Amino acid sequence: MEKERIKVLLVEDDKVDQVAFKRLVKNENLLYDYTIAGSVSEAKEILNSEIFNIVITDYNLGDGIAFNFFDFVTDAPIILVTGVGDEEVAVKAMKAGAYDYLIKDHQRNYLKVLPLTVANAIKHKKIEDDHKRMEEEREKLITELQESLIKVKTLRGLIPICASCKKVRDDKGYWDEVENYVSKYSDAVFSHGICPDCFEKLYPEQYKRLKENGKII
């Protein structure tokens, strides 16, 4: 099965770090379709028009800090890259919604673990999306069951029935046969017979004979 490509936004104002990232993608044959923003304002502009699977950003940028564009990220995990000693900033980033952070060292060793961090972030996001979808389906099912219960309760309440033809009016204003109405709003199943009064009216001779024989009380 062919692996899906990952759409990446790299927000990095350092040209050397930009080149290092490009080299990593090429040398490791990473399936990244990447876009590079060199500033907060550029990141905002790009995020206003494009959707990404993941955002990788340096903390200190030329015209601000990474937090300045976090609100522009739509439904994508954020990986923050901070300088040595910026662990406190990283913790704040996690509280602000970042998935993970990496420490940027002078040798750029953080790039060695970046692909795995990205893969884990994408996997985590998929699990979250699956869980969210299951919850939405669960809520939908609960709503449908509640609506069904309301209909059943309506059947037990006041039911408008025609005094002449005995048809029943549903909640949408349509008139239907009693059998159809009850079957629609409950689990009841009809079997047809004939009551003694109707039997006497429709078949008087047979009724008289059966009554004389004691078969009708």
N, C-alpha and C. Protein backbone atom coordinates (compact mmCIF):
# COMPACT_ATOMS: atom_id res chain seq x y z
N MET A 1 0.84 -1.20 0.00
CA MET A 1 0.00 0.00 0.00
C MET A 1 0.88 1.25 0.00
N GLU A 2 0.60 2.16 -0.92
CA GLU A 2 1.41 3.37 -1.04
C GLU A 2 1.13 4.32 0.12
N LYS A 3 2.21 4.83 0.73
CA LYS A 3 2.07 5.74 1.85
C LYS A 3 1.57 7.10 1.37
N GLU A 4 0.78 7.74 2.21
CA GLU A 4 0.27 9.06 1.85
C GLU A 4 1.33 10.12 2.09
N ARG A 5 1.33 11.12 1.25
CA ARG A 5 2.24 12.23 1.41
C ARG A 5 1.72 13.16 2.51
N ILE A 6 2.63 13.82 3.17
CA ILE A 6 2.29 14.70 4.29
C ILE A 6 2.52 16.14 3.88
N LYS A 7 1.51 16.95 4.05
CA LYS A 7 1.62 18.37 3.71
C LYS A 7 2.13 19.13 4.94
N VAL A 8 3.32 19.70 4.81
CA VAL A 8 4.03 20.30 5.94
C VAL A 8 4.21 21.81 5.73
N LEU A 9 3.97 22.56 6.79
CA LEU A 9 4.34 23.98 6.79
C LEU A 9 5.50 24.15 7.76
N LEU A 10 6.64 24.61 7.24
CA LEU A 10 7.80 24.93 8.08
C LEU A 10 7.85 26.45 8.25
N VAL A 11 7.81 26.90 9.49
CA VAL A 11 7.93 28.33 9.78
C VAL A 11 9.30 28.56 10.40
N GLU A 12 10.21 29.12 9.63
CA GLU A 12 11.61 29.26 10.04
C GLU A 12 12.22 30.47 9.35
N ASP A 13 12.77 31.40 10.13
CA ASP A 13 13.35 32.61 9.55
C ASP A 13 14.84 32.48 9.26
N ASP A 14 15.46 31.42 9.75
CA ASP A 14 16.90 31.20 9.53
C ASP A 14 17.10 30.45 8.21
N LYS A 15 17.77 31.08 7.26
CA LYS A 15 17.99 30.49 5.94
C LYS A 15 18.78 29.19 6.03
N VAL A 16 19.74 29.13 6.94
CA VAL A 16 20.56 27.92 7.09
C VAL A 16 19.69 26.76 7.56
N ASP A 17 18.80 27.03 8.51
CA ASP A 17 17.90 25.98 9.00
C ASP A 17 16.90 25.56 7.92
N GLN A 18 16.49 26.48 7.09
CA GLN A 18 15.62 26.14 5.97
C GLN A 18 16.31 25.15 5.03
N VAL A 19 17.57 25.45 4.71
CA VAL A 19 18.34 24.57 3.82
C VAL A 19 18.55 23.21 4.47
N ALA A 20 18.82 23.20 5.77
CA ALA A 20 19.04 21.93 6.49
C ALA A 20 17.78 21.07 6.43
N PHE A 21 16.62 21.69 6.56
CA PHE A 21 15.35 20.95 6.48
C PHE A 21 15.15 20.38 5.08
N LYS A 22 15.41 21.17 4.07
CA LYS A 22 15.27 20.69 2.69
C LYS A 22 16.20 19.51 2.42
N ARG A 23 17.42 19.61 2.95
CA ARG A 23 18.38 18.53 2.76
C ARG A 23 17.90 17.25 3.45
N LEU A 24 17.33 17.40 4.64
CA LEU A 24 16.80 16.24 5.38
C LEU A 24 15.72 15.54 4.57
N VAL A 25 14.78 16.30 4.03
CA VAL A 25 13.68 15.73 3.24
C VAL A 25 14.22 14.98 2.04
N LYS A 26 15.21 15.57 1.38
CA LYS A 26 15.78 14.94 0.18
C LYS A 26 16.59 13.70 0.52
N ASN A 27 17.47 13.79 1.51
CA ASN A 27 18.35 12.67 1.85
C ASN A 27 17.60 11.49 2.43
N GLU A 28 16.53 11.76 3.18
CA GLU A 28 15.77 10.69 3.83
C GLU A 28 14.58 10.23 2.99
N ASN A 29 14.42 10.83 1.81
CA ASN A 29 13.29 10.50 0.92
C ASN A 29 11.95 10.60 1.66
N LEU A 30 11.81 11.66 2.42
CA LEU A 30 10.58 11.85 3.18
C LEU A 30 9.45 12.29 2.25
N LEU A 31 8.27 11.76 2.49
CA LEU A 31 7.12 12.08 1.64
C LEU A 31 6.45 13.36 2.13
N TYR A 32 7.23 14.44 2.12
CA TYR A 32 6.74 15.73 2.56
C TYR A 32 6.50 16.65 1.36
N ASP A 33 5.32 17.21 1.29
CA ASP A 33 5.07 18.33 0.38
C ASP A 33 5.10 19.57 1.26
N TYR A 34 6.24 20.25 1.26
CA TYR A 34 6.44 21.31 2.24
C TYR A 34 6.35 22.70 1.64
N THR A 35 5.90 23.62 2.50
CA THR A 35 5.89 25.05 2.21
C THR A 35 6.66 25.72 3.34
N ILE A 36 7.47 26.72 3.00
CA ILE A 36 8.28 27.40 4.01
C ILE A 36 7.84 28.85 4.16
N ALA A 37 7.57 29.23 5.40
CA ALA A 37 7.27 30.63 5.73
C ALA A 37 8.43 31.18 6.55
N GLY A 38 8.86 32.39 6.24
CA GLY A 38 10.01 32.97 6.92
C GLY A 38 9.68 33.93 8.04
N SER A 39 8.38 34.08 8.34
CA SER A 39 7.98 35.03 9.37
C SER A 39 6.58 34.70 9.87
N VAL A 40 6.18 35.36 10.95
CA VAL A 40 4.84 35.19 11.49
C VAL A 40 3.80 35.66 10.48
N SER A 41 4.02 36.83 9.90
CA SER A 41 3.06 37.39 8.95
C SER A 41 2.91 36.51 7.72
N GLU A 42 4.02 35.95 7.25
CA GLU A 42 3.96 35.06 6.09
C GLU A 42 3.22 33.78 6.44
N ALA A 43 3.45 33.26 7.65
CA ALA A 43 2.76 32.06 8.11
C ALA A 43 1.25 32.29 8.17
N LYS A 44 0.85 33.44 8.69
CA LYS A 44 -0.59 33.77 8.77
C LYS A 44 -1.21 33.82 7.38
N GLU A 45 -0.49 34.45 6.45
CA GLU A 45 -1.00 34.58 5.09
C GLU A 45 -1.19 33.22 4.44
N ILE A 46 -0.21 32.34 4.62
CA ILE A 46 -0.29 31.00 4.04
C ILE A 46 -1.41 30.19 4.68
N LEU A 47 -1.50 30.26 6.01
CA LEU A 47 -2.51 29.48 6.73
C LEU A 47 -3.93 29.95 6.44
N ASN A 48 -4.07 31.18 5.99
CA ASN A 48 -5.39 31.69 5.62
C ASN A 48 -5.92 31.07 4.33
N SER A 49 -5.01 30.49 3.54
CA SER A 49 -5.42 29.97 2.23
C SER A 49 -5.15 28.49 2.03
N GLU A 50 -4.39 27.87 2.95
CA GLU A 50 -4.04 26.46 2.78
C GLU A 50 -4.24 25.68 4.07
N ILE A 51 -4.48 24.39 3.91
CA ILE A 51 -4.61 23.47 5.04
C ILE A 51 -3.42 22.52 5.02
N PHE A 52 -2.83 22.27 6.20
CA PHE A 52 -1.66 21.41 6.30
C PHE A 52 -1.93 20.24 7.25
N ASN A 53 -1.17 19.18 7.06
CA ASN A 53 -1.26 18.03 7.96
C ASN A 53 -0.49 18.28 9.25
N ILE A 54 0.56 19.11 9.16
CA ILE A 54 1.39 19.40 10.33
C ILE A 54 2.13 20.71 10.13
N VAL A 55 2.40 21.39 11.25
CA VAL A 55 3.15 22.64 11.24
C VAL A 55 4.38 22.48 12.12
N ILE A 56 5.55 22.79 11.56
CA ILE A 56 6.81 22.77 12.31
C ILE A 56 7.30 24.21 12.38
N THR A 57 7.54 24.71 13.57
CA THR A 57 7.90 26.12 13.68
C THR A 57 8.99 26.39 14.71
N ASP A 58 9.85 27.32 14.37
CA ASP A 58 10.80 27.85 15.33
C ASP A 58 10.03 28.76 16.28
N TYR A 59 10.58 28.98 17.46
CA TYR A 59 9.89 29.84 18.42
C TYR A 59 10.13 31.32 18.11
N ASN A 60 11.40 31.70 18.02
CA ASN A 60 11.74 33.08 17.74
C ASN A 60 11.77 33.32 16.24
N LEU A 61 10.92 34.21 15.78
CA LEU A 61 10.85 34.54 14.36
C LEU A 61 11.12 36.04 14.18
N GLY A 62 11.39 36.43 12.96
CA GLY A 62 11.82 37.80 12.71
C GLY A 62 10.85 38.87 13.17
N ASP A 63 9.56 38.63 13.00
CA ASP A 63 8.55 39.65 13.34
C ASP A 63 7.66 39.24 14.50
N GLY A 64 8.11 38.29 15.30
CA GLY A 64 7.31 37.87 16.44
C GLY A 64 7.73 36.50 16.94
N ILE A 65 6.82 35.84 17.63
CA ILE A 65 7.07 34.49 18.13
C ILE A 65 5.99 33.55 17.58
N ALA A 66 6.26 32.26 17.72
CA ALA A 66 5.37 31.25 17.14
C ALA A 66 3.94 31.36 17.66
N PHE A 67 3.79 31.72 18.94
CA PHE A 67 2.45 31.80 19.52
C PHE A 67 1.55 32.77 18.76
N ASN A 68 2.16 33.74 18.07
CA ASN A 68 1.37 34.77 17.38
C ASN A 68 0.51 34.24 16.25
N PHE A 69 0.83 33.04 15.73
CA PHE A 69 0.01 32.51 14.62
C PHE A 69 -0.67 31.19 14.96
N PHE A 70 -0.55 30.74 16.20
CA PHE A 70 -1.16 29.45 16.59
C PHE A 70 -2.66 29.43 16.27
N ASP A 71 -3.33 30.55 16.47
CA ASP A 71 -4.79 30.59 16.24
C ASP A 71 -5.15 30.44 14.77
N PHE A 72 -4.17 30.59 13.88
CA PHE A 72 -4.43 30.48 12.45
C PHE A 72 -4.30 29.03 11.96
N VAL A 73 -3.78 28.16 12.81
CA VAL A 73 -3.59 26.76 12.43
C VAL A 73 -4.92 26.02 12.55
N THR A 74 -5.35 25.42 11.46
CA THR A 74 -6.63 24.71 11.42
C THR A 74 -6.43 23.20 11.46
N ASP A 75 -6.77 22.60 12.60
CA ASP A 75 -6.86 21.14 12.69
C ASP A 75 -5.56 20.44 12.28
N ALA A 76 -4.42 20.94 12.74
CA ALA A 76 -3.13 20.31 12.43
C ALA A 76 -2.25 20.36 13.68
N PRO A 77 -1.52 19.27 13.97
CA PRO A 77 -0.60 19.30 15.10
C PRO A 77 0.56 20.28 14.85
N ILE A 78 1.05 20.87 15.92
CA ILE A 78 2.16 21.82 15.84
C ILE A 78 3.36 21.26 16.59
N ILE A 79 4.51 21.27 15.94
CA ILE A 79 5.77 20.89 16.59
C ILE A 79 6.61 22.16 16.72
N LEU A 80 6.95 22.50 17.95
CA LEU A 80 7.73 23.71 18.21
C LEU A 80 9.20 23.36 18.36
N VAL A 81 10.06 24.14 17.71
CA VAL A 81 11.51 23.98 17.84
C VAL A 81 12.03 25.17 18.62
N THR A 82 12.65 24.91 19.77
CA THR A 82 13.13 25.99 20.63
C THR A 82 14.64 25.92 20.78
N GLY A 83 15.23 27.04 21.19
CA GLY A 83 16.67 27.07 21.44
C GLY A 83 17.02 26.36 22.73
N VAL A 84 18.29 26.09 22.90
CA VAL A 84 18.76 25.43 24.12
C VAL A 84 18.40 26.28 25.33
N GLY A 85 17.82 25.66 26.34
CA GLY A 85 17.44 26.39 27.54
C GLY A 85 16.05 26.99 27.49
N ASP A 86 15.30 26.70 26.42
CA ASP A 86 13.96 27.26 26.27
C ASP A 86 12.87 26.27 26.69
N GLU A 87 13.21 25.38 27.63
CA GLU A 87 12.23 24.37 28.04
C GLU A 87 10.96 25.00 28.61
N GLU A 88 11.11 26.14 29.30
CA GLU A 88 9.95 26.81 29.87
C GLU A 88 9.01 27.29 28.76
N VAL A 89 9.59 27.78 27.68
CA VAL A 89 8.80 28.19 26.52
C VAL A 89 8.09 27.00 25.92
N ALA A 90 8.79 25.85 25.87
CA ALA A 90 8.21 24.64 25.30
C ALA A 90 6.99 24.19 26.10
N VAL A 91 7.08 24.29 27.42
CA VAL A 91 5.95 23.91 28.27
C VAL A 91 4.75 24.82 27.99
N LYS A 92 5.01 26.12 27.84
CA LYS A 92 3.94 27.06 27.52
C LYS A 92 3.30 26.72 26.17
N ALA A 93 4.16 26.29 25.23
CA ALA A 93 3.66 25.93 23.90
C ALA A 93 2.74 24.72 23.98
N MET A 94 3.11 23.75 24.80
CA MET A 94 2.27 22.56 24.96
C MET A 94 0.91 22.95 25.53
N LYS A 95 0.93 23.87 26.49
CA LYS A 95 -0.33 24.32 27.08
C LYS A 95 -1.16 25.10 26.07
N ALA A 96 -0.47 25.73 25.10
CA ALA A 96 -1.16 26.52 24.08
C ALA A 96 -1.68 25.67 22.93
N GLY A 97 -1.35 24.35 22.96
CA GLY A 97 -1.90 23.46 21.95
C GLY A 97 -0.90 22.75 21.08
N ALA A 98 0.40 23.00 21.29
CA ALA A 98 1.42 22.30 20.50
C ALA A 98 1.44 20.82 20.86
N TYR A 99 1.72 19.96 19.86
CA TYR A 99 1.77 18.52 20.11
C TYR A 99 3.07 18.14 20.82
N ASP A 100 4.19 18.70 20.38
CA ASP A 100 5.49 18.33 20.93
C ASP A 100 6.48 19.47 20.68
N TYR A 101 7.65 19.34 21.28
CA TYR A 101 8.70 20.33 21.05
C TYR A 101 10.05 19.62 20.92
N LEU A 102 10.95 20.27 20.19
CA LEU A 102 12.30 19.76 20.01
C LEU A 102 13.28 20.88 20.36
N ILE A 103 14.40 20.51 20.96
CA ILE A 103 15.43 21.48 21.31
C ILE A 103 16.38 21.66 20.14
N LYS A 104 16.51 22.90 19.69
CA LYS A 104 17.41 23.20 18.56
C LYS A 104 18.83 23.42 19.08
N ASP A 105 19.71 22.50 18.74
CA ASP A 105 21.11 22.63 19.12
C ASP A 105 21.93 23.13 17.93
N HIS A 106 23.16 23.53 18.20
CA HIS A 106 24.00 24.10 17.14
C HIS A 106 24.33 23.08 16.05
N GLN A 107 24.39 21.81 16.41
CA GLN A 107 24.68 20.76 15.43
C GLN A 107 23.42 20.30 14.68
N ARG A 108 22.31 20.84 15.05
CA ARG A 108 21.02 20.50 14.43
C ARG A 108 20.70 19.00 14.53
N ASN A 109 21.04 18.43 15.68
CA ASN A 109 20.73 17.01 15.90
C ASN A 109 19.22 16.78 16.02
N TYR A 110 18.47 17.82 16.28
CA TYR A 110 17.02 17.68 16.39
C TYR A 110 16.40 17.17 15.09
N LEU A 111 17.10 17.43 13.97
CA LEU A 111 16.59 16.98 12.68
C LEU A 111 16.56 15.45 12.58
N LYS A 112 17.43 14.79 13.37
CA LYS A 112 17.49 13.32 13.33
C LYS A 112 16.20 12.70 13.87
N VAL A 113 15.59 13.36 14.83
CA VAL A 113 14.37 12.81 15.44
C VAL A 113 13.10 13.47 14.87
N LEU A 114 13.28 14.47 14.03
CA LEU A 114 12.12 15.18 13.49
C LEU A 114 11.18 14.27 12.71
N PRO A 115 11.68 13.40 11.80
CA PRO A 115 10.75 12.54 11.04
C PRO A 115 9.88 11.65 11.94
N LEU A 116 10.49 11.08 12.99
CA LEU A 116 9.73 10.23 13.91
C LEU A 116 8.71 11.06 14.69
N THR A 117 9.11 12.25 15.09
CA THR A 117 8.19 13.14 15.81
C THR A 117 6.99 13.50 14.94
N VAL A 118 7.26 13.79 13.67
CA VAL A 118 6.18 14.10 12.73
C VAL A 118 5.25 12.91 12.57
N ALA A 119 5.84 11.71 12.39
CA ALA A 119 5.03 10.49 12.21
C ALA A 119 4.14 10.24 13.42
N ASN A 120 4.71 10.42 14.62
CA ASN A 120 3.93 10.21 15.84
C ASN A 120 2.80 11.23 15.96
N ALA A 121 3.08 12.47 15.57
CA ALA A 121 2.06 13.51 15.63
C ALA A 121 0.90 13.21 14.68
N ILE A 122 1.24 12.77 13.47
CA ILE A 122 0.21 12.43 12.49
C ILE A 122 -0.63 11.25 12.99
N LYS A 123 0.04 10.25 13.57
CA LYS A 123 -0.65 9.07 14.10
C LYS A 123 -1.58 9.47 15.25
N HIS A 124 -1.07 10.30 16.13
CA HIS A 124 -1.87 10.77 17.27
C HIS A 124 -3.09 11.54 16.80
N LYS A 125 -2.90 12.37 15.79
CA LYS A 125 -4.01 13.16 15.23
C LYS A 125 -5.07 12.25 14.63
N LYS A 126 -4.64 11.19 13.94
CA LYS A 126 -5.59 10.25 13.34
C LYS A 126 -6.41 9.55 14.42
N ILE A 127 -5.75 9.16 15.50
CA ILE A 127 -6.46 8.50 16.60
C ILE A 127 -7.50 9.46 17.20
N GLU A 128 -7.10 10.72 17.37
CA GLU A 128 -8.04 11.72 17.90
C GLU A 128 -9.23 11.91 16.97
N ASP A 129 -8.95 11.98 15.66
CA ASP A 129 -10.03 12.16 14.67
C ASP A 129 -10.98 10.97 14.67
N ASP A 130 -10.41 9.74 14.76
CA ASP A 130 -11.24 8.53 14.80
C ASP A 130 -12.13 8.53 16.05
N HIS A 131 -11.52 8.92 17.17
CA HIS A 131 -12.28 8.97 18.42
C HIS A 131 -13.39 10.01 18.34
N LYS A 132 -13.07 11.16 17.76
CA LYS A 132 -14.07 12.23 17.60
C LYS A 132 -15.22 11.77 16.71
N ARG A 133 -14.87 11.07 15.61
CA ARG A 133 -15.90 10.58 14.70
C ARG A 133 -16.80 9.56 15.39
N MET A 134 -16.20 8.66 16.18
CA MET A 134 -16.98 7.66 16.90
C MET A 134 -17.92 8.33 17.91
N GLU A 135 -17.42 9.38 18.57
CA GLU A 135 -18.26 10.11 19.53
C GLU A 135 -19.43 10.78 18.82
N GLU A 136 -19.15 11.36 17.64
CA GLU A 136 -20.22 12.00 16.87
C GLU A 136 -21.26 10.99 16.42
N GLU A 137 -20.80 9.80 15.99
CA GLU A 137 -21.73 8.75 15.58
C GLU A 137 -22.54 8.26 16.78
N ARG A 138 -21.87 8.19 17.93
CA ARG A 138 -22.56 7.77 19.16
C ARG A 138 -23.64 8.78 19.54
N GLU A 139 -23.30 10.06 19.48
CA GLU A 139 -24.27 11.11 19.80
C GLU A 139 -25.43 11.08 18.82
N LYS A 140 -25.13 10.84 17.54
CA LYS A 140 -26.17 10.77 16.53
C LYS A 140 -27.12 9.61 16.81
N LEU A 141 -26.55 8.45 17.19
CA LEU A 141 -27.37 7.28 17.51
C LEU A 141 -28.25 7.54 18.72
N ILE A 142 -27.67 8.19 19.74
CA ILE A 142 -28.44 8.52 20.94
C ILE A 142 -29.61 9.43 20.59
N THR A 143 -29.34 10.43 19.74
CA THR A 143 -30.39 11.36 19.31
C THR A 143 -31.50 10.62 18.57
N GLU A 144 -31.11 9.71 17.67
CA GLU A 144 -32.11 8.95 16.92
C GLU A 144 -32.94 8.07 17.84
N LEU A 145 -32.30 7.46 18.84
CA LEU A 145 -33.03 6.62 19.79
C LEU A 145 -33.99 7.46 20.63
N GLN A 146 -33.52 8.65 21.02
CA GLN A 146 -34.39 9.53 21.81
C GLN A 146 -35.60 9.97 20.99
N GLU A 147 -35.38 10.25 19.71
CA GLU A 147 -36.49 10.64 18.84
C GLU A 147 -37.47 9.48 18.68
N SER A 148 -36.93 8.26 18.58
CA SER A 148 -37.80 7.09 18.47
C SER A 148 -38.63 6.90 19.73
N LEU A 149 -38.00 7.12 20.89
CA LEU A 149 -38.72 6.99 22.15
C LEU A 149 -39.83 8.04 22.26
N ILE A 150 -39.54 9.24 21.76
CA ILE A 150 -40.55 10.30 21.78
C ILE A 150 -41.76 9.89 20.94
N LYS A 151 -41.48 9.27 19.78
CA LYS A 151 -42.57 8.83 18.91
C LYS A 151 -43.40 7.75 19.59
N VAL A 152 -42.72 6.83 20.29
CA VAL A 152 -43.44 5.77 21.00
C VAL A 152 -44.29 6.38 22.11
N LYS A 153 -43.72 7.35 22.83
CA LYS A 153 -44.48 8.01 23.89
C LYS A 153 -45.68 8.77 23.32
N THR A 154 -45.50 9.34 22.13
CA THR A 154 -46.61 10.04 21.47
C THR A 154 -47.74 9.07 21.18
N LEU A 155 -47.39 7.85 20.81
CA LEU A 155 -48.40 6.84 20.53
C LEU A 155 -49.21 6.52 21.78
N ARG A 156 -48.58 6.62 22.94
CA ARG A 156 -49.28 6.33 24.18
C ARG A 156 -50.11 7.51 24.66
N GLY A 157 -49.85 8.68 24.10
CA GLY A 157 -50.58 9.87 24.52
C GLY A 157 -51.85 10.07 23.72
N LEU A 158 -52.17 11.33 23.46
CA LEU A 158 -53.38 11.69 22.73
C LEU A 158 -53.20 11.40 21.25
N ILE A 159 -54.06 10.56 20.68
CA ILE A 159 -53.98 10.18 19.27
C ILE A 159 -55.25 10.67 18.56
N PRO A 160 -55.12 11.62 17.61
CA PRO A 160 -56.30 12.09 16.86
C PRO A 160 -56.80 11.00 15.92
N ILE A 161 -58.07 10.62 16.06
CA ILE A 161 -58.63 9.56 15.22
C ILE A 161 -59.97 10.04 14.64
N CYS A 162 -60.18 9.77 13.37
CA CYS A 162 -61.41 10.20 12.69
C CYS A 162 -62.61 9.44 13.25
N ALA A 163 -63.66 10.17 13.60
CA ALA A 163 -64.85 9.55 14.17
C ALA A 163 -65.61 8.72 13.15
N SER A 164 -65.36 8.97 11.86
CA SER A 164 -66.09 8.26 10.81
C SER A 164 -65.31 7.07 10.27
N CYS A 165 -64.17 7.37 9.63
CA CYS A 165 -63.42 6.28 8.98
C CYS A 165 -62.39 5.63 9.89
N LYS A 166 -62.15 6.22 11.07
CA LYS A 166 -61.24 5.69 12.07
C LYS A 166 -59.76 5.77 11.66
N LYS A 167 -59.45 6.62 10.68
CA LYS A 167 -58.04 6.84 10.35
C LYS A 167 -57.40 7.71 11.43
N VAL A 168 -56.07 7.57 11.57
CA VAL A 168 -55.33 8.30 12.60
C VAL A 168 -54.47 9.37 11.95
N ARG A 169 -54.41 10.55 12.56
CA ARG A 169 -53.58 11.64 12.04
C ARG A 169 -52.22 11.62 12.72
N ASP A 170 -51.12 11.60 11.92
CA ASP A 170 -49.78 11.59 12.50
C ASP A 170 -49.33 13.01 12.82
N ASP A 171 -48.08 13.14 13.34
CA ASP A 171 -47.59 14.45 13.77
C ASP A 171 -47.31 15.39 12.61
N LYS A 172 -47.34 14.89 11.37
CA LYS A 172 -47.13 15.73 10.20
C LYS A 172 -48.44 16.14 9.53
N GLY A 173 -49.54 15.70 10.12
CA GLY A 173 -50.85 16.08 9.60
C GLY A 173 -51.43 15.12 8.59
N TYR A 174 -50.75 13.99 8.34
CA TYR A 174 -51.26 13.02 7.37
C TYR A 174 -52.15 12.00 8.09
N TRP A 175 -53.19 11.57 7.35
CA TRP A 175 -54.11 10.57 7.90
C TRP A 175 -53.74 9.19 7.39
N ASP A 176 -53.72 8.22 8.28
CA ASP A 176 -53.29 6.87 7.91
C ASP A 176 -54.18 5.85 8.60
N GLU A 177 -54.19 4.63 8.04
CA GLU A 177 -54.95 3.54 8.65
C GLU A 177 -54.37 3.24 10.04
N VAL A 178 -55.23 2.82 10.94
CA VAL A 178 -54.80 2.53 12.30
C VAL A 178 -53.66 1.52 12.31
N GLU A 179 -53.80 0.46 11.50
CA GLU A 179 -52.76 -0.58 11.47
C GLU A 179 -51.41 -0.01 11.05
N ASN A 180 -51.42 0.82 10.01
CA ASN A 180 -50.17 1.41 9.53
C ASN A 180 -49.55 2.34 10.57
N TYR A 181 -50.40 3.12 11.21
CA TYR A 181 -49.92 4.09 12.20
C TYR A 181 -49.26 3.39 13.38
N VAL A 182 -49.95 2.41 13.93
CA VAL A 182 -49.42 1.71 15.10
C VAL A 182 -48.15 0.94 14.75
N SER A 183 -48.13 0.32 13.57
CA SER A 183 -46.93 -0.42 13.15
C SER A 183 -45.74 0.50 12.97
N LYS A 184 -46.00 1.72 12.51
CA LYS A 184 -44.93 2.69 12.25
C LYS A 184 -44.30 3.18 13.55
N TYR A 185 -45.10 3.37 14.60
CA TYR A 185 -44.62 3.98 15.82
C TYR A 185 -44.47 3.00 16.99
N SER A 186 -44.58 1.72 16.72
CA SER A 186 -44.36 0.73 17.77
C SER A 186 -43.95 -0.59 17.14
N ASP A 187 -43.67 -1.57 17.99
CA ASP A 187 -43.30 -2.90 17.51
C ASP A 187 -44.51 -3.83 17.39
N ALA A 188 -45.70 -3.29 17.55
CA ALA A 188 -46.91 -4.12 17.50
C ALA A 188 -47.14 -4.68 16.10
N VAL A 189 -47.63 -5.92 16.05
CA VAL A 189 -47.96 -6.58 14.78
C VAL A 189 -49.44 -6.97 14.83
N PHE A 190 -50.16 -6.68 13.75
CA PHE A 190 -51.61 -6.94 13.73
C PHE A 190 -51.92 -8.31 13.14
N SER A 191 -52.93 -8.97 13.75
CA SER A 191 -53.56 -10.14 13.14
C SER A 191 -55.06 -9.81 13.06
N HIS A 192 -55.69 -10.18 11.99
CA HIS A 192 -57.07 -9.75 11.76
C HIS A 192 -58.08 -10.85 12.14
N GLY A 193 -59.12 -10.42 12.80
CA GLY A 193 -60.22 -11.30 13.16
C GLY A 193 -61.52 -10.52 13.07
N ILE A 194 -62.58 -11.01 13.73
CA ILE A 194 -63.86 -10.30 13.70
C ILE A 194 -64.54 -10.45 15.06
N CYS A 195 -65.01 -9.33 15.58
CA CYS A 195 -65.63 -9.36 16.91
C CYS A 195 -67.06 -9.92 16.80
N PRO A 196 -67.65 -10.40 17.90
CA PRO A 196 -69.00 -10.99 17.86
C PRO A 196 -70.06 -10.04 17.32
N ASP A 197 -70.00 -8.75 17.68
CA ASP A 197 -71.02 -7.80 17.21
C ASP A 197 -70.99 -7.67 15.70
N CYS A 198 -69.77 -7.55 15.13
CA CYS A 198 -69.65 -7.43 13.67
C CYS A 198 -70.02 -8.74 12.98
N PHE A 199 -69.67 -9.85 13.63
CA PHE A 199 -69.99 -11.15 13.05
C PHE A 199 -71.51 -11.32 12.94
N GLU A 200 -72.23 -10.89 13.99
CA GLU A 200 -73.69 -10.99 13.98
C GLU A 200 -74.29 -10.10 12.90
N LYS A 201 -73.70 -8.93 12.72
CA LYS A 201 -74.22 -7.98 11.73
C LYS A 201 -73.96 -8.46 10.31
N LEU A 202 -72.77 -9.01 10.06
CA LEU A 202 -72.40 -9.41 8.70
C LEU A 202 -72.90 -10.80 8.34
N TYR A 203 -72.89 -11.68 9.31
CA TYR A 203 -73.28 -13.08 9.04
C TYR A 203 -74.32 -13.53 10.07
N PRO A 204 -75.53 -13.02 10.00
CA PRO A 204 -76.54 -13.30 11.03
C PRO A 204 -76.91 -14.78 11.14
N GLU A 205 -77.00 -15.49 10.02
CA GLU A 205 -77.40 -16.90 10.05
C GLU A 205 -76.33 -17.74 10.74
N GLN A 206 -75.09 -17.54 10.32
CA GLN A 206 -74.00 -18.30 10.94
C GLN A 206 -73.88 -17.96 12.42
N TYR A 207 -74.08 -16.69 12.73
CA TYR A 207 -73.98 -16.26 14.13
C TYR A 207 -75.04 -16.95 14.98
N LYS A 208 -76.27 -16.99 14.45
CA LYS A 208 -77.37 -17.60 15.19
C LYS A 208 -77.10 -19.07 15.44
N ARG A 209 -76.57 -19.74 14.38
CA ARG A 209 -76.32 -21.17 14.48
C ARG A 209 -75.21 -21.46 15.50
N LEU A 210 -74.15 -20.66 15.46
CA LEU A 210 -73.04 -20.88 16.39
C LEU A 210 -73.45 -20.56 17.83
N LYS A 211 -74.31 -19.58 17.98
CA LYS A 211 -74.75 -19.23 19.32
C LYS A 211 -75.63 -20.32 19.91
N GLU A 212 -76.47 -20.89 19.07
CA GLU A 212 -77.33 -21.98 19.53
C GLU A 212 -76.51 -23.19 19.94
N ASN A 213 -75.38 -23.38 19.27
CA ASN A 213 -74.50 -24.51 19.60
C ASN A 213 -73.56 -24.20 20.76
N GLY A 214 -73.69 -22.98 21.31
CA GLY A 214 -72.87 -22.62 22.46
C GLY A 214 -71.45 -22.23 22.13
N LYS A 215 -71.18 -21.94 20.86
CA LYS A 215 -69.81 -21.58 20.47
C LYS A 215 -69.57 -20.07 20.52
N ILE A 216 -70.62 -19.30 20.74
CA ILE A 216 -70.48 -17.87 20.93
C ILE A 216 -71.15 -17.51 22.24
N ILE A 217 -70.40 -16.82 23.08
CA ILE A 217 -70.94 -16.43 24.39
C ILE A 217 -71.27 -14.94 24.36
